[in-house]
Amino acid sequence: MSLNRDSVLLESVRTHRARLRGAFLLGTLSSRRTINDNVKRMIGSLVLAAVVGAGCIGTSFVTNFLAEQAKAKAAQQQQFAPTPSPSAAPSEGTQK
C-alpha cells in the first residue's frame, strides 16, 4: 500500500465509482429506478396542482368577498344619501 494518502483516496474513489457504475448497468435496477422517479414526479405534480388550485380558490374567494363588501357599502351610502326634494330646489324666477 502506498504511503501517499492522496493516491489511496483517489484509488478508493475510483474503485467505488466502478462498483456503482457496474451496479447501475447490470440487473433490473434501471427499470426500478425509472418507476420510482416517475412515482415521485407524479406525487410532486399532484401536490403542486393542489397548492395552485387552493391558491386560485383563495384568490377568487377574497376577490368575491371584497366585491360584495364594496357593493354593500355603495348600497348603504345610496340608502342614506339625502335626496333633493322638489320643494327645496330653487325656482327659475328667483335666480339672477
PDB file of N, CA and C in Angstrom:
ATOM      1  N   MET A   1       0.834  -1.181   0.000  1.00  0.00           N
ATOM      2  CA  MET A   1       0.000   0.000   0.000  1.00  0.00           C
ATOM      3  C   MET A   1       0.877   1.242   0.000  1.00  0.00           C
ATOM      4  N   SER A   2       0.411   2.230  -0.647  1.00  0.00           N
ATOM      5  CA  SER A   2       1.189   3.453  -0.773  1.00  0.00           C
ATOM      6  C   SER A   2       1.089   4.283   0.498  1.00  0.00           C
ATOM      7  N   LEU A   3       2.156   5.021   0.776  1.00  0.00           N
ATOM      8  CA  LEU A   3       2.132   5.889   1.940  1.00  0.00           C
ATOM      9  C   LEU A   3       1.501   7.243   1.621  1.00  0.00           C
ATOM     10  N   ASN A   4       1.319   7.537   0.378  1.00  0.00           N
ATOM     11  CA  ASN A   4       0.725   8.798  -0.027  1.00  0.00           C
ATOM     12  C   ASN A   4      -0.805   8.716   0.145  1.00  0.00           C
ATOM     13  N   ARG A   5      -1.328   9.493   1.046  1.00  0.00           N
ATOM     14  CA  ARG A   5      -2.766   9.429   1.362  1.00  0.00           C
ATOM     15  C   ARG A   5      -3.635   9.885   0.188  1.00  0.00           C
ATOM     16  N   ASP A   6      -3.161  10.819  -0.596  1.00  0.00           N
ATOM     17  CA  ASP A   6      -3.945  11.302  -1.736  1.00  0.00           C
ATOM     18  C   ASP A   6      -4.149  10.208  -2.777  1.00  0.00           C
ATOM     19  N   SER A   7      -3.140   9.462  -3.069  1.00  0.00           N
ATOM     20  CA  SER A   7      -3.276   8.401  -4.075  1.00  0.00           C
ATOM     21  C   SER A   7      -4.180   7.279  -3.559  1.00  0.00           C
ATOM     22  N   VAL A   8      -4.114   6.999  -2.254  1.00  0.00           N
ATOM     23  CA  VAL A   8      -5.003   5.986  -1.668  1.00  0.00           C
ATOM     24  C   VAL A   8      -6.447   6.449  -1.765  1.00  0.00           C
ATOM     25  N   LEU A   9      -6.691   7.695  -1.465  1.00  0.00           N
ATOM     26  CA  LEU A   9      -8.037   8.241  -1.537  1.00  0.00           C
ATOM     27  C   LEU A   9      -8.552   8.227  -2.974  1.00  0.00           C
ATOM     28  N   LEU A  10      -7.741   8.621  -3.922  1.00  0.00           N
ATOM     29  CA  LEU A  10      -8.155   8.626  -5.330  1.00  0.00           C
ATOM     30  C   LEU A  10      -8.460   7.216  -5.830  1.00  0.00           C
ATOM     31  N   GLU A  11      -7.650   6.262  -5.422  1.00  0.00           N
ATOM     32  CA  GLU A  11      -7.890   4.883  -5.854  1.00  0.00           C
ATOM     33  C   GLU A  11      -9.163   4.323  -5.235  1.00  0.00           C
ATOM     34  N   SER A  12      -9.423   4.639  -3.980  1.00  0.00           N
ATOM     35  CA  SER A  12     -10.662   4.145  -3.349  1.00  0.00           C
ATOM     36  C   SER A  12     -11.900   4.784  -3.993  1.00  0.00           C
ATOM     37  N   VAL A  13     -11.792   6.050  -4.366  1.00  0.00           N
ATOM     38  CA  VAL A  13     -12.905   6.714  -5.053  1.00  0.00           C
ATOM     39  C   VAL A  13     -13.122   6.084  -6.422  1.00  0.00           C
ATOM     40  N   ARG A  14     -12.045   5.791  -7.138  1.00  0.00           N
ATOM     41  CA  ARG A  14     -12.139   5.166  -8.453  1.00  0.00           C
ATOM     42  C   ARG A  14     -12.802   3.787  -8.341  1.00  0.00           C
ATOM     43  N   THR A  15     -12.412   3.011  -7.323  1.00  0.00           N
ATOM     44  CA  THR A  15     -12.997   1.685  -7.119  1.00  0.00           C
ATOM     45  C   THR A  15     -14.477   1.800  -6.767  1.00  0.00           C
ATOM     46  N   HIS A  16     -14.796   2.740  -5.924  1.00  0.00           N
ATOM     47  CA  HIS A  16     -16.188   2.945  -5.514  1.00  0.00           C
ATOM     48  C   HIS A  16     -17.057   3.326  -6.721  1.00  0.00           C
ATOM     49  N   ARG A  17     -16.555   4.216  -7.560  1.00  0.00           N
ATOM     50  CA  ARG A  17     -17.306   4.621  -8.754  1.00  0.00           C
ATOM     51  C   ARG A  17     -17.475   3.460  -9.727  1.00  0.00           C
ATOM     52  N   ALA A  18     -16.451   2.645  -9.862  1.00  0.00           N
ATOM     53  CA  ALA A  18     -16.552   1.485 -10.757  1.00  0.00           C
ATOM     54  C   ALA A  18     -17.606   0.507 -10.251  1.00  0.00           C
ATOM     55  N   ARG A  19     -17.672   0.302  -8.965  1.00  0.00           N
ATOM     56  CA  ARG A  19     -18.691  -0.588  -8.391  1.00  0.00           C
ATOM     57  C   ARG A  19     -20.092  -0.016  -8.585  1.00  0.00           C
ATOM     58  N   LEU A  20     -20.235   1.278  -8.358  1.00  0.00           N
ATOM     59  CA  LEU A  20     -21.549   1.903  -8.557  1.00  0.00           C
ATOM     60  C   LEU A  20     -21.987   1.836 -10.022  1.00  0.00           C
ATOM     61  N   ARG A  21     -21.054   2.100 -10.933  1.00  0.00           N
ATOM     62  CA  ARG A  21     -21.360   2.031 -12.365  1.00  0.00           C
ATOM     63  C   ARG A  21     -21.806   0.626 -12.752  1.00  0.00           C
ATOM     64  N   GLY A  22     -21.115  -0.378 -12.230  1.00  0.00           N
ATOM     65  CA  GLY A  22     -21.495  -1.765 -12.511  1.00  0.00           C
ATOM     66  C   GLY A  22     -22.864  -2.097 -11.942  1.00  0.00           C
ATOM     67  N   ALA A  23     -23.173  -1.585 -10.773  1.00  0.00           N
ATOM     68  CA  ALA A  23     -24.476  -1.847 -10.162  1.00  0.00           C
ATOM     69  C   ALA A  23     -25.599  -1.199 -10.956  1.00  0.00           C
ATOM     70  N   PHE A  24     -25.348  -0.032 -11.491  1.00  0.00           N
ATOM     71  CA  PHE A  24     -26.386   0.648 -12.265  1.00  0.00           C
ATOM     72  C   PHE A  24     -26.574   0.017 -13.650  1.00  0.00           C
ATOM     73  N   LEU A  25     -25.512  -0.469 -14.239  1.00  0.00           N
ATOM     74  CA  LEU A  25     -25.602  -1.013 -15.597  1.00  0.00           C
ATOM     75  C   LEU A  25     -26.141  -2.435 -15.615  1.00  0.00           C
ATOM     76  N   LEU A  26     -25.926  -3.202 -14.588  1.00  0.00           N
ATOM     77  CA  LEU A  26     -26.346  -4.596 -14.560  1.00  0.00           C
ATOM     78  C   LEU A  26     -27.637  -4.753 -13.775  1.00  0.00           C
ATOM     79  N   GLY A  27     -28.413  -5.724 -14.176  1.00  0.00           N
ATOM     80  CA  GLY A  27     -29.631  -6.044 -13.442  1.00  0.00           C
ATOM     81  C   GLY A  27     -30.797  -5.147 -13.833  1.00  0.00           C
ATOM     82  N   THR A  28     -31.879  -5.266 -13.090  1.00  0.00           N
ATOM     83  CA  THR A  28     -33.110  -4.524 -13.378  1.00  0.00           C
ATOM     84  C   THR A  28     -33.218  -3.256 -12.552  1.00  0.00           C
ATOM     85  N   LEU A  29     -32.131  -2.816 -12.037  1.00  0.00           N
ATOM     86  CA  LEU A  29     -32.139  -1.620 -11.201  1.00  0.00           C
ATOM     87  C   LEU A  29     -32.603  -0.395 -11.987  1.00  0.00           C
ATOM     88  N   SER A  30     -32.248  -0.315 -13.249  1.00  0.00           N
ATOM     89  CA  SER A  30     -32.625   0.859 -14.039  1.00  0.00           C
ATOM     90  C   SER A  30     -34.140   0.965 -14.197  1.00  0.00           C
ATOM     91  N   SER A  31     -34.821  -0.176 -14.403  1.00  0.00           N
ATOM     92  CA  SER A  31     -36.282  -0.119 -14.551  1.00  0.00           C
ATOM     93  C   SER A  31     -36.942   0.249 -13.222  1.00  0.00           C
ATOM     94  N   ARG A  32     -36.432  -0.285 -12.124  1.00  0.00           N
ATOM     95  CA  ARG A  32     -36.990   0.086 -10.824  1.00  0.00           C
ATOM     96  C   ARG A  32     -36.740   1.558 -10.530  1.00  0.00           C
ATOM     97  N   ARG A  33     -35.605   2.041 -10.916  1.00  0.00           N
ATOM     98  CA  ARG A  33     -35.261   3.439 -10.661  1.00  0.00           C
ATOM     99  C   ARG A  33     -36.176   4.369 -11.451  1.00  0.00           C
ATOM    100  N   THR A  34     -36.506   4.027 -12.681  1.00  0.00           N
ATOM    101  CA  THR A  34     -37.391   4.846 -13.500  1.00  0.00           C
ATOM    102  C   THR A  34     -38.789   4.893 -12.901  1.00  0.00           C
ATOM    103  N   ILE A  35     -39.294   3.753 -12.451  1.00  0.00           N
ATOM    104  CA  ILE A  35     -40.632   3.718 -11.860  1.00  0.00           C
ATOM    105  C   ILE A  35     -40.667   4.570 -10.602  1.00  0.00           C
ATOM    106  N   ASN A  36     -39.667   4.444  -9.754  1.00  0.00           N
ATOM    107  CA  ASN A  36     -39.638   5.243  -8.534  1.00  0.00           C
ATOM    108  C   ASN A  36     -39.570   6.733  -8.848  1.00  0.00           C
ATOM    109  N   ASP A  37     -38.768   7.108  -9.835  1.00  0.00           N
ATOM    110  CA  ASP A  37     -38.671   8.513 -10.206  1.00  0.00           C
ATOM    111  C   ASP A  37     -40.000   9.036 -10.739  1.00  0.00           C
ATOM    112  N   ASN A  38     -40.676   8.221 -11.554  1.00  0.00           N
ATOM    113  CA  ASN A  38     -41.956   8.658 -12.108  1.00  0.00           C
ATOM    114  C   ASN A  38     -43.020   8.780 -11.034  1.00  0.00           C
ATOM    115  N   VAL A  39     -43.023   7.890 -10.065  1.00  0.00           N
ATOM    116  CA  VAL A  39     -43.996   7.977  -8.969  1.00  0.00           C
ATOM    117  C   VAL A  39     -43.738   9.234  -8.147  1.00  0.00           C
ATOM    118  N   LYS A  40     -42.485   9.521  -7.885  1.00  0.00           N
ATOM    119  CA  LYS A  40     -42.150  10.731  -7.137  1.00  0.00           C
ATOM    120  C   LYS A  40     -42.572  11.976  -7.907  1.00  0.00           C
ATOM    121  N   ARG A  41     -42.356  11.959  -9.208  1.00  0.00           N
ATOM    122  CA  ARG A  41     -42.762  13.100 -10.034  1.00  0.00           C
ATOM    123  C   ARG A  41     -44.268  13.262 -10.034  1.00  0.00           C
ATOM    124  N   MET A  42     -45.004  12.143 -10.116  1.00  0.00           N
ATOM    125  CA  MET A  42     -46.460  12.210 -10.123  1.00  0.00           C
ATOM    126  C   MET A  42     -46.976  12.760  -8.794  1.00  0.00           C
ATOM    127  N   ILE A  43     -46.437  12.286  -7.692  1.00  0.00           N
ATOM    128  CA  ILE A  43     -46.858  12.775  -6.382  1.00  0.00           C
ATOM    129  C   ILE A  43     -46.516  14.248  -6.237  1.00  0.00           C
ATOM    130  N   GLY A  44     -45.339  14.635  -6.677  1.00  0.00           N
ATOM    131  CA  GLY A  44     -44.961  16.044  -6.633  1.00  0.00           C
ATOM    132  C   GLY A  44     -45.879  16.900  -7.490  1.00  0.00           C
ATOM    133  N   SER A  45     -46.248  16.397  -8.663  1.00  0.00           N
ATOM    134  CA  SER A  45     -47.153  17.143  -9.540  1.00  0.00           C
ATOM    135  C   SER A  45     -48.536  17.287  -8.915  1.00  0.00           C
ATOM    136  N   LEU A  46     -49.016  16.234  -8.277  1.00  0.00           N
ATOM    137  CA  LEU A  46     -50.320  16.315  -7.615  1.00  0.00           C
ATOM    138  C   LEU A  46     -50.303  17.318  -6.471  1.00  0.00           C
ATOM    139  N   VAL A  47     -49.246  17.312  -5.700  1.00  0.00           N
ATOM    140  CA  VAL A  47     -49.132  18.267  -4.598  1.00  0.00           C
ATOM    141  C   VAL A  47     -49.069  19.688  -5.139  1.00  0.00           C
ATOM    142  N   LEU A  48     -48.289  19.899  -6.175  1.00  0.00           N
ATOM    143  CA  LEU A  48     -48.183  21.220  -6.790  1.00  0.00           C
ATOM    144  C   LEU A  48     -49.522  21.670  -7.358  1.00  0.00           C
ATOM    145  N   ALA A  49     -50.249  20.764  -8.012  1.00  0.00           N
ATOM    146  CA  ALA A  49     -51.569  21.103  -8.551  1.00  0.00           C
ATOM    147  C   ALA A  49     -52.543  21.449  -7.436  1.00  0.00           C
ATOM    148  N   ALA A  50     -52.478  20.747  -6.318  1.00  0.00           N
ATOM    149  CA  ALA A  50     -53.362  21.046  -5.190  1.00  0.00           C
ATOM    150  C   ALA A  50     -53.050  22.420  -4.603  1.00  0.00           C
ATOM    151  N   VAL A  51     -51.786  22.748  -4.497  1.00  0.00           N
ATOM    152  CA  VAL A  51     -51.400  24.057  -3.955  1.00  0.00           C
ATOM    153  C   VAL A  51     -51.838  25.177  -4.894  1.00  0.00           C
ATOM    154  N   VAL A  52     -51.630  24.993  -6.197  1.00  0.00           N
ATOM    155  CA  VAL A  52     -52.032  26.013  -7.167  1.00  0.00           C
ATOM    156  C   VAL A  52     -53.553  26.159  -7.170  1.00  0.00           C
ATOM    157  N   GLY A  53     -54.265  25.051  -7.119  1.00  0.00           N
ATOM    158  CA  GLY A  53     -55.735  25.095  -7.077  1.00  0.00           C
ATOM    159  C   GLY A  53     -56.236  25.798  -5.830  1.00  0.00           C
ATOM    160  N   ALA A  54     -55.644  25.505  -4.687  1.00  0.00           N
ATOM    161  CA  ALA A  54     -56.044  26.170  -3.445  1.00  0.00           C
ATOM    162  C   ALA A  54     -55.750  27.664  -3.515  1.00  0.00           C
ATOM    163  N   GLY A  55     -54.640  28.020  -4.130  1.00  0.00           N
ATOM    164  CA  GLY A  55     -54.318  29.443  -4.296  1.00  0.00           C
ATOM    165  C   GLY A  55     -55.337  30.151  -5.175  1.00  0.00           C
ATOM    166  N   CYS A  56     -55.743  29.507  -6.252  1.00  0.00           N
ATOM    167  CA  CYS A  56     -56.753  30.104  -7.149  1.00  0.00           C
ATOM    168  C   CYS A  56     -58.099  30.244  -6.446  1.00  0.00           C
ATOM    169  N   ILE A  57     -58.494  29.228  -5.710  1.00  0.00           N
ATOM    170  CA  ILE A  57     -59.767  29.289  -4.989  1.00  0.00           C
ATOM    171  C   ILE A  57     -59.714  30.381  -3.923  1.00  0.00           C
ATOM    172  N   GLY A  58     -58.612  30.480  -3.215  1.00  0.00           N
ATOM    173  CA  GLY A  58     -58.463  31.516  -2.193  1.00  0.00           C
ATOM    174  C   GLY A  58     -58.501  32.911  -2.788  1.00  0.00           C
ATOM    175  N   THR A  59     -57.828  33.093  -3.913  1.00  0.00           N
ATOM    176  CA  THR A  59     -57.832  34.394  -4.576  1.00  0.00           C
ATOM    177  C   THR A  59     -59.235  34.748  -5.044  1.00  0.00           C
ATOM    178  N   SER A  60     -59.942  33.791  -5.602  1.00  0.00           N
ATOM    179  CA  SER A  60     -61.310  34.023  -6.057  1.00  0.00           C
ATOM    180  C   SER A  60     -62.221  34.375  -4.886  1.00  0.00           C
ATOM    181  N   PHE A  61     -62.066  33.673  -3.771  1.00  0.00           N
ATOM    182  CA  PHE A  61     -62.887  33.945  -2.597  1.00  0.00           C
ATOM    183  C   PHE A  61     -62.645  35.362  -2.080  1.00  0.00           C
ATOM    184  N   VAL A  62     -61.394  35.750  -1.961  1.00  0.00           N
ATOM    185  CA  VAL A  62     -61.072  37.082  -1.440  1.00  0.00           C
ATOM    186  C   VAL A  62     -61.573  38.166  -2.395  1.00  0.00           C
ATOM    187  N   THR A  63     -61.386  37.971  -3.689  1.00  0.00           N
ATOM    188  CA  THR A  63     -61.847  38.951  -4.670  1.00  0.00           C
ATOM    189  C   THR A  63     -63.366  39.093  -4.627  1.00  0.00           C
ATOM    190  N   ASN A  64     -64.070  37.975  -4.562  1.00  0.00           N
ATOM    191  CA  ASN A  64     -65.532  37.995  -4.490  1.00  0.00           C
ATOM    192  C   ASN A  64     -65.998  38.652  -3.191  1.00  0.00           C
ATOM    193  N   PHE A  65     -65.345  38.346  -2.097  1.00  0.00           N
ATOM    194  CA  PHE A  65     -65.717  38.932  -0.798  1.00  0.00           C
ATOM    195  C   PHE A  65     -65.540  40.449  -0.816  1.00  0.00           C
ATOM    196  N   LEU A  66     -64.425  40.923  -1.362  1.00  0.00           N
ATOM    197  CA  LEU A  66     -64.184  42.362  -1.429  1.00  0.00           C
ATOM    198  C   LEU A  66     -65.180  43.049  -2.355  1.00  0.00           C
ATOM    199  N   ALA A  67     -65.555  42.398  -3.467  1.00  0.00           N
ATOM    200  CA  ALA A  67     -66.536  42.982  -4.383  1.00  0.00           C
ATOM    201  C   ALA A  67     -67.904  43.085  -3.719  1.00  0.00           C
ATOM    202  N   GLU A  68     -68.313  42.046  -2.991  1.00  0.00           N
ATOM    203  CA  GLU A  68     -69.593  42.087  -2.282  1.00  0.00           C
ATOM    204  C   GLU A  68     -69.581  43.150  -1.193  1.00  0.00           C
ATOM    205  N   GLN A  69     -68.469  43.300  -0.519  1.00  0.00           N
ATOM    206  CA  GLN A  69     -68.354  44.313   0.515  1.00  0.00           C
ATOM    207  C   GLN A  69     -68.468  45.713  -0.094  1.00  0.00           C
ATOM    208  N   ALA A  70     -67.856  45.923  -1.244  1.00  0.00           N
ATOM    209  CA  ALA A  70     -67.940  47.219  -1.921  1.00  0.00           C
ATOM    210  C   ALA A  70     -69.371  47.496  -2.380  1.00  0.00           C
ATOM    211  N   LYS A  71     -70.078  46.467  -2.880  1.00  0.00           N
ATOM    212  CA  LYS A  71     -71.476  46.636  -3.279  1.00  0.00           C
ATOM    213  C   LYS A  71     -72.345  46.994  -2.083  1.00  0.00           C
ATOM    214  N   ALA A  72     -72.126  46.319  -0.970  1.00  0.00           N
ATOM    215  CA  ALA A  72     -72.918  46.585   0.234  1.00  0.00           C
ATOM    216  C   ALA A  72     -72.654  47.998   0.737  1.00  0.00           C
ATOM    217  N   LYS A  73     -71.418  48.440   0.698  1.00  0.00           N
ATOM    218  CA  LYS A  73     -71.084  49.791   1.142  1.00  0.00           C
ATOM    219  C   LYS A  73     -71.719  50.825   0.219  1.00  0.00           C
ATOM    220  N   ALA A  74     -71.693  50.574  -1.098  1.00  0.00           N
ATOM    221  CA  ALA A  74     -72.301  51.506  -2.045  1.00  0.00           C
ATOM    222  C   ALA A  74     -73.811  51.561  -1.852  1.00  0.00           C
ATOM    223  N   ALA A  75     -74.447  50.408  -1.608  1.00  0.00           N
ATOM    224  CA  ALA A  75     -75.888  50.375  -1.383  1.00  0.00           C
ATOM    225  C   ALA A  75     -76.246  51.102  -0.088  1.00  0.00           C
ATOM    226  N   GLN A  76     -75.415  50.942   0.927  1.00  0.00           N
ATOM    227  CA  GLN A  76     -75.666  51.602   2.200  1.00  0.00           C
ATOM    228  C   GLN A  76     -75.521  53.116   2.053  1.00  0.00           C
ATOM    229  N   GLN A  77     -74.512  53.561   1.323  1.00  0.00           N
ATOM    230  CA  GLN A  77     -74.333  55.000   1.116  1.00  0.00           C
ATOM    231  C   GLN A  77     -75.463  55.568   0.271  1.00  0.00           C
ATOM    232  N   GLN A  78     -75.954  54.817  -0.697  1.00  0.00           N
ATOM    233  CA  GLN A  78     -77.045  55.292  -1.536  1.00  0.00           C
ATOM    234  C   GLN A  78     -78.341  55.355  -0.730  1.00  0.00           C
ATOM    235  N   GLN A  79     -78.529  54.448   0.198  1.00  0.00           N
ATOM    236  CA  GLN A  79     -79.752  54.409   1.001  1.00  0.00           C
ATOM    237  C   GLN A  79     -79.807  55.607   1.943  1.00  0.00           C
ATOM    238  N   PHE A  80     -78.682  55.986   2.513  1.00  0.00           N
ATOM    239  CA  PHE A  80     -78.672  57.072   3.486  1.00  0.00           C
ATOM    240  C   PHE A  80     -78.292  58.416   2.875  1.00  0.00           C
ATOM    241  N   ALA A  81     -78.072  58.482   1.596  1.00  0.00           N
ATOM    242  CA  ALA A  81     -77.734  59.751   0.960  1.00  0.00           C
ATOM    243  C   ALA A  81     -78.979  60.628   0.877  1.00  0.00           C
ATOM    244  N   PRO A  82     -78.867  61.929   1.192  1.00  0.00           N
ATOM    245  CA  PRO A  82     -80.051  62.797   1.119  1.00  0.00           C
ATOM    246  C   PRO A  82     -80.454  63.001  -0.340  1.00  0.00           C
ATOM    247  N   THR A  83     -81.728  62.831  -0.586  1.00  0.00           N
ATOM    248  CA  THR A  83     -82.245  63.046  -1.935  1.00  0.00           C
ATOM    249  C   THR A  83     -82.823  64.452  -1.998  1.00  0.00           C
ATOM    250  N   PRO A  84     -82.519  65.211  -3.020  1.00  0.00           N
ATOM    251  CA  PRO A  84     -83.065  66.572  -3.101  1.00  0.00           C
ATOM    252  C   PRO A  84     -84.568  66.518  -3.347  1.00  0.00           C
ATOM    253  N   SER A  85     -85.305  67.281  -2.552  1.00  0.00           N
ATOM    254  CA  SER A  85     -86.758  67.318  -2.713  1.00  0.00           C
ATOM    255  C   SER A  85     -87.116  68.417  -3.708  1.00  0.00           C
ATOM    256  N   PRO A  86     -88.202  68.254  -4.429  1.00  0.00           N
ATOM    257  CA  PRO A  86     -88.575  69.260  -5.423  1.00  0.00           C
ATOM    258  C   PRO A  86     -88.888  70.628  -4.795  1.00  0.00           C
ATOM    259  N   SER A  87     -89.376  70.675  -3.585  1.00  0.00           N
ATOM    260  CA  SER A  87     -89.712  71.972  -2.968  1.00  0.00           C
ATOM    261  C   SER A  87     -88.440  72.705  -2.525  1.00  0.00           C
ATOM    262  N   ALA A  88     -87.343  72.010  -2.279  1.00  0.00           N
ATOM    263  CA  ALA A  88     -86.117  72.647  -1.835  1.00  0.00           C
ATOM    264  C   ALA A  88     -85.308  73.184  -3.003  1.00  0.00           C
ATOM    265  N   ALA A  89     -85.639  72.795  -4.225  1.00  0.00           N
ATOM    266  CA  ALA A  89     -84.881  73.251  -5.386  1.00  0.00           C
ATOM    267  C   ALA A  89     -85.234  74.714  -5.667  1.00  0.00           C
ATOM    268  N   PRO A  90     -84.267  75.528  -6.012  1.00  0.00           N
ATOM    269  CA  PRO A  90     -84.577  76.929  -6.291  1.00  0.00           C
ATOM    270  C   PRO A  90     -85.406  77.070  -7.572  1.00  0.00           C
ATOM    271  N   SER A  91     -86.300  77.984  -7.561  1.00  0.00           N
ATOM    272  CA  SER A  91     -87.134  78.188  -8.732  1.00  0.00           C
ATOM    273  C   SER A  91     -86.393  79.016  -9.759  1.00  0.00           C
ATOM    274  N   GLU A  92     -86.844  78.969 -10.998  1.00  0.00           N
ATOM    275  CA  GLU A  92     -86.148  79.639 -12.072  1.00  0.00           C
ATOM    276  C   GLU A  92     -86.301  81.152 -11.991  1.00  0.00           C
ATOM    277  N   GLY A  93     -87.389  81.619 -11.475  1.00  0.00           N
ATOM    278  CA  GLY A  93     -87.624  83.041 -11.436  1.00  0.00           C
ATOM    279  C   GLY A  93     -86.821  83.769 -10.396  1.00  0.00           C
ATOM    280  N   THR A  94     -86.323  83.104  -9.365  1.00  0.00           N
ATOM    281  CA  THR A  94     -85.611  83.777  -8.302  1.00  0.00           C
ATOM    282  C   THR A  94     -84.112  83.821  -8.548  1.00  0.00           C
ATOM    283  N   GLN A  95     -83.638  83.148  -9.538  1.00  0.00           N
ATOM    284  CA  GLN A  95     -82.202  83.164  -9.822  1.00  0.00           C
ATOM    285  C   GLN A  95     -81.840  84.413 -10.588  1.00  0.00           C
ATOM    286  N   LYS A  96     -80.695  84.951 -10.363  1.00  0.00           N
ATOM    287  CA  LYS A  96     -80.232  86.151 -11.063  1.00  0.00           C
ATOM    288  C   LYS A  96     -79.011  85.899 -11.832  1.00  0.00           C
TER     289      LYS A  96
END
